[in-house]
C-alpha atoms as a PDB file:
ATOM      1  CA  UNK A   1      10.069   6.563 -17.520  1.00  0.00           C
ATOM      2  CA  UNK A   2       8.153   7.353 -20.692  1.00  0.00           C
ATOM      3  CA  UNK A   3       4.867   9.179 -20.283  1.00  0.00           C
ATOM      4  CA  UNK A   4       3.137  12.096 -21.912  1.00  0.00           C
ATOM      5  CA  UNK A   5       3.490  14.932 -19.469  1.00  0.00           C
ATOM      6  CA  UNK A   6       3.310  18.693 -19.609  1.00  0.00           C
ATOM      7  CA  UNK A   7       5.821  18.804 -16.749  1.00  0.00           C
ATOM      8  CA  UNK A   8       9.506  19.287 -17.437  1.00  0.00           C
ATOM      9  CA  UNK A   9      12.011  16.547 -16.664  1.00  0.00           C
ATOM     10  CA  UNK A  10      13.179  18.728 -13.775  1.00  0.00           C
ATOM     11  CA  UNK A  11       9.639  18.848 -12.348  1.00  0.00           C
ATOM     12  CA  UNK A  12       9.164  15.087 -12.766  1.00  0.00           C
ATOM     13  CA  UNK A  13      12.476  14.466 -10.990  1.00  0.00           C
ATOM     14  CA  UNK A  14      11.392  16.819  -8.201  1.00  0.00           C
ATOM     15  CA  UNK A  15       8.096  14.910  -7.864  1.00  0.00           C
ATOM     16  CA  UNK A  16       9.881  11.580  -7.431  1.00  0.00           C
ATOM     17  CA  UNK A  17      12.383  13.056  -4.970  1.00  0.00           C
ATOM     18  CA  UNK A  18       9.606  14.792  -3.017  1.00  0.00           C
ATOM     19  CA  UNK A  19       7.484  11.682  -2.609  1.00  0.00           C
ATOM     20  CA  UNK A  20      10.454   9.464  -1.728  1.00  0.00           C
ATOM     21  CA  UNK A  21      11.679  11.945   0.890  1.00  0.00           C
ATOM     22  CA  UNK A  22       8.432  13.139   2.484  1.00  0.00           C
ATOM     23  CA  UNK A  23       5.902  10.402   1.775  1.00  0.00           C
ATOM     24  CA  UNK A  24       7.762   7.114   1.248  1.00  0.00           C
ATOM     25  CA  UNK A  25       4.825   5.269   2.804  1.00  0.00           C
ATOM     26  CA  UNK A  26       2.685   6.345  -0.139  1.00  0.00           C
ATOM     27  CA  UNK A  27       4.974   4.669  -2.633  1.00  0.00           C
ATOM     28  CA  UNK A  28       4.302   1.324  -0.966  1.00  0.00           C
ATOM     29  CA  UNK A  29       0.614   1.808  -0.174  1.00  0.00           C
ATOM     30  CA  UNK A  30      -2.162  -0.226  -1.781  1.00  0.00           C
ATOM     31  CA  UNK A  31      -2.242  -0.333  -5.555  1.00  0.00           C
ATOM     32  CA  UNK A  32      -5.404   1.730  -5.930  1.00  0.00           C
ATOM     33  CA  UNK A  33      -3.990   4.858  -4.236  1.00  0.00           C
ATOM     34  CA  UNK A  34      -0.292   4.333  -4.891  1.00  0.00           C
ATOM     35  CA  UNK A  35       1.405   7.678  -5.550  1.00  0.00           C
ATOM     36  CA  UNK A  36      -1.884   9.585  -5.835  1.00  0.00           C
ATOM     37  CA  UNK A  37      -2.566   9.453  -2.074  1.00  0.00           C
ATOM     38  CA  UNK A  38      -0.518  12.659  -1.810  1.00  0.00           C
ATOM     39  CA  UNK A  39      -3.501  14.478  -3.336  1.00  0.00           C
ATOM     40  CA  UNK A  40      -5.451  13.696  -0.162  1.00  0.00           C
ATOM     41  CA  UNK A  41      -2.623  14.335   2.272  1.00  0.00           C
ATOM     42  CA  UNK A  42      -0.567  17.163   0.743  1.00  0.00           C
ATOM     43  CA  UNK A  43      -2.803  19.277  -1.509  1.00  0.00           C
ATOM     44  CA  UNK A  44      -5.327  21.059   0.669  1.00  0.00           C
ATOM     45  CA  UNK A  45      -8.973  21.022  -0.420  1.00  0.00           C
ATOM     46  CA  UNK A  46      -9.771  24.725  -0.342  1.00  0.00           C
ATOM     47  CA  UNK A  47      -9.828  27.822  -2.496  1.00  0.00           C
ATOM     48  CA  UNK A  48      -6.295  28.356  -3.752  1.00  0.00           C
ATOM     49  CA  UNK A  49      -4.361  30.614  -1.372  1.00  0.00           C
ATOM     50  CA  UNK A  50      -2.295  32.032  -4.239  1.00  0.00           C
ATOM     51  CA  UNK A  51      -1.648  31.575  -7.931  1.00  0.00           C
ATOM     52  CA  UNK A  52       0.574  28.693  -8.914  1.00  0.00           C
ATOM     53  CA  UNK A  53       2.676  28.219 -12.021  1.00  0.00           C
ATOM     54  CA  UNK A  54       4.237  24.857 -11.230  1.00  0.00           C
ATOM     55  CA  UNK A  55       3.569  21.713  -9.228  1.00  0.00           C
ATOM     56  CA  UNK A  56       5.765  22.744  -6.294  1.00  0.00           C
ATOM     57  CA  UNK A  57       3.622  25.838  -5.749  1.00  0.00           C
ATOM     58  CA  UNK A  58       0.415  23.845  -6.138  1.00  0.00           C
ATOM     59  CA  UNK A  59       1.079  21.987  -2.883  1.00  0.00           C
ATOM     60  CA  UNK A  60       1.150  25.200  -0.863  1.00  0.00           C
ATOM     61  CA  UNK A  61      -1.646  26.875  -2.856  1.00  0.00           C
ATOM     62  CA  UNK A  62      -4.116  24.032  -2.469  1.00  0.00           C
ATOM     63  CA  UNK A  63      -7.244  23.989  -4.535  1.00  0.00           C
ATOM     64  CA  UNK A  64     -10.432  22.198  -5.306  1.00  0.00           C
ATOM     65  CA  UNK A  65     -11.153  19.645  -8.018  1.00  0.00           C
ATOM     66  CA  UNK A  66      -8.909  20.814 -10.875  1.00  0.00           C
ATOM     67  CA  UNK A  67      -5.642  21.571  -9.084  1.00  0.00           C
ATOM     68  CA  UNK A  68      -5.865  18.401  -7.007  1.00  0.00           C
ATOM     69  CA  UNK A  69      -6.498  16.313 -10.128  1.00  0.00           C
ATOM     70  CA  UNK A  70      -3.579  18.000 -11.909  1.00  0.00           C
ATOM     71  CA  UNK A  71      -1.254  17.129  -9.031  1.00  0.00           C
ATOM     72  CA  UNK A  72      -2.483  13.532  -8.932  1.00  0.00           C
ATOM     73  CA  UNK A  73      -1.839  13.122 -12.646  1.00  0.00           C
ATOM     74  CA  UNK A  74       1.573  14.774 -12.300  1.00  0.00           C
ATOM     75  CA  UNK A  75       2.788  12.566  -9.454  1.00  0.00           C
ATOM     76  CA  UNK A  76       1.594   9.379 -11.168  1.00  0.00           C
ATOM     77  CA  UNK A  77       3.354  10.377 -14.375  1.00  0.00           C
ATOM     78  CA  UNK A  78       6.513  11.170 -12.417  1.00  0.00           C
ATOM     79  CA  UNK A  79       6.649   7.475 -11.551  1.00  0.00           C
ATOM     80  CA  UNK A  80       5.769   6.337 -15.072  1.00  0.00           C
ATOM     81  CA  UNK A  81       2.124   5.557 -14.408  1.00  0.00           C
ATOM     82  CA  UNK A  82       0.082   6.656 -17.429  1.00  0.00           C
ATOM     83  CA  UNK A  83      -2.960   8.816 -16.879  1.00  0.00           C
ATOM     84  CA  UNK A  84      -5.438  10.382 -19.256  1.00  0.00           C
END
Protein backbone atom coordinates (compact mmCIF):
# COMPACT_ATOMS: atom_id res chain seq x y z
CA UNK A 1 0.00 0.00 0.00
CA UNK A 2 1.30 3.46 -0.83
CA UNK A 3 -0.36 6.37 0.93
CA UNK A 4 0.75 9.49 2.70
CA UNK A 5 0.29 8.75 6.36
CA UNK A 6 1.64 10.11 9.61
CA UNK A 7 1.24 6.62 11.09
CA UNK A 8 4.19 4.25 11.25
CA UNK A 9 4.21 1.04 9.24
CA UNK A 10 3.72 -0.78 12.54
CA UNK A 11 0.57 1.26 13.26
CA UNK A 12 -0.79 0.72 9.74
CA UNK A 13 -0.20 -3.03 10.08
CA UNK A 14 -1.96 -2.98 13.46
CA UNK A 15 -4.93 -1.16 11.88
CA UNK A 16 -5.33 -3.80 9.18
CA UNK A 17 -4.95 -6.65 11.67
CA UNK A 18 -7.41 -5.01 14.08
CA UNK A 19 -10.13 -4.51 11.50
CA UNK A 20 -9.70 -7.98 10.00
CA UNK A 21 -9.87 -9.61 13.44
CA UNK A 22 -12.56 -7.57 15.20
CA UNK A 23 -14.63 -6.03 12.41
CA UNK A 24 -14.29 -8.20 9.29
CA UNK A 25 -17.86 -7.30 8.35
CA UNK A 26 -16.76 -3.70 7.88
CA UNK A 27 -14.21 -4.65 5.27
CA UNK A 28 -16.99 -6.04 3.09
CA UNK A 29 -19.66 -3.44 3.83
CA UNK A 30 -21.00 -1.01 1.24
CA UNK A 31 -18.46 1.07 -0.63
CA UNK A 32 -19.42 4.38 0.96
CA UNK A 33 -18.59 3.30 4.54
CA UNK A 34 -16.03 0.60 3.83
CA UNK A 35 -13.31 0.64 6.49
CA UNK A 36 -14.46 3.95 7.99
CA UNK A 37 -17.55 2.40 9.63
CA UNK A 38 -15.30 1.63 12.62
CA UNK A 39 -15.44 5.34 13.46
CA UNK A 40 -19.14 4.91 14.23
CA UNK A 41 -18.85 1.57 15.99
CA UNK A 42 -15.49 1.65 17.79
CA UNK A 43 -14.54 5.26 18.56
CA UNK A 44 -16.98 6.60 21.12
CA UNK A 45 -18.50 10.04 20.52
CA UNK A 46 -17.72 11.74 23.81
CA UNK A 47 -15.13 13.89 25.53
CA UNK A 48 -11.87 11.97 25.46
CA UNK A 49 -11.51 9.84 28.60
CA UNK A 50 -7.72 10.21 28.53
CA UNK A 51 -4.92 11.57 26.40
CA UNK A 52 -3.90 9.48 23.43
CA UNK A 53 -0.60 9.38 21.58
CA UNK A 54 -1.39 6.71 19.01
CA UNK A 55 -4.34 5.19 17.17
CA UNK A 56 -4.64 2.19 19.49
CA UNK A 57 -5.24 4.51 22.45
CA UNK A 58 -7.68 6.63 20.46
CA UNK A 59 -10.20 3.79 20.36
CA UNK A 60 -10.40 3.61 24.15
CA UNK A 61 -10.15 7.39 24.64
CA UNK A 62 -12.97 8.25 22.28
CA UNK A 63 -13.50 11.81 21.22
CA UNK A 64 -15.59 14.18 19.23
CA UNK A 65 -15.07 15.45 15.69
CA UNK A 66 -11.26 15.59 15.41
CA UNK A 67 -10.21 12.29 16.97
CA UNK A 68 -12.94 10.38 15.15
CA UNK A 69 -11.91 11.93 11.83
CA UNK A 70 -8.25 11.12 12.52
CA UNK A 71 -9.12 7.47 13.15
CA UNK A 72 -11.25 7.29 10.00
CA UNK A 73 -8.42 8.68 7.90
CA UNK A 74 -5.94 6.32 9.57
CA UNK A 75 -7.97 3.15 8.98
CA UNK A 76 -8.67 4.05 5.35
CA UNK A 77 -4.98 4.71 4.74
CA UNK A 78 -4.10 1.42 6.41
CA UNK A 79 -5.95 -0.28 3.56
CA UNK A 80 -4.46 1.97 0.89
CA UNK A 81 -7.46 4.23 0.46
CA UNK A 82 -6.23 7.81 -0.03
CA UNK A 83 -7.72 10.55 2.09
CA UNK A 84 -7.04 14.25 2.31
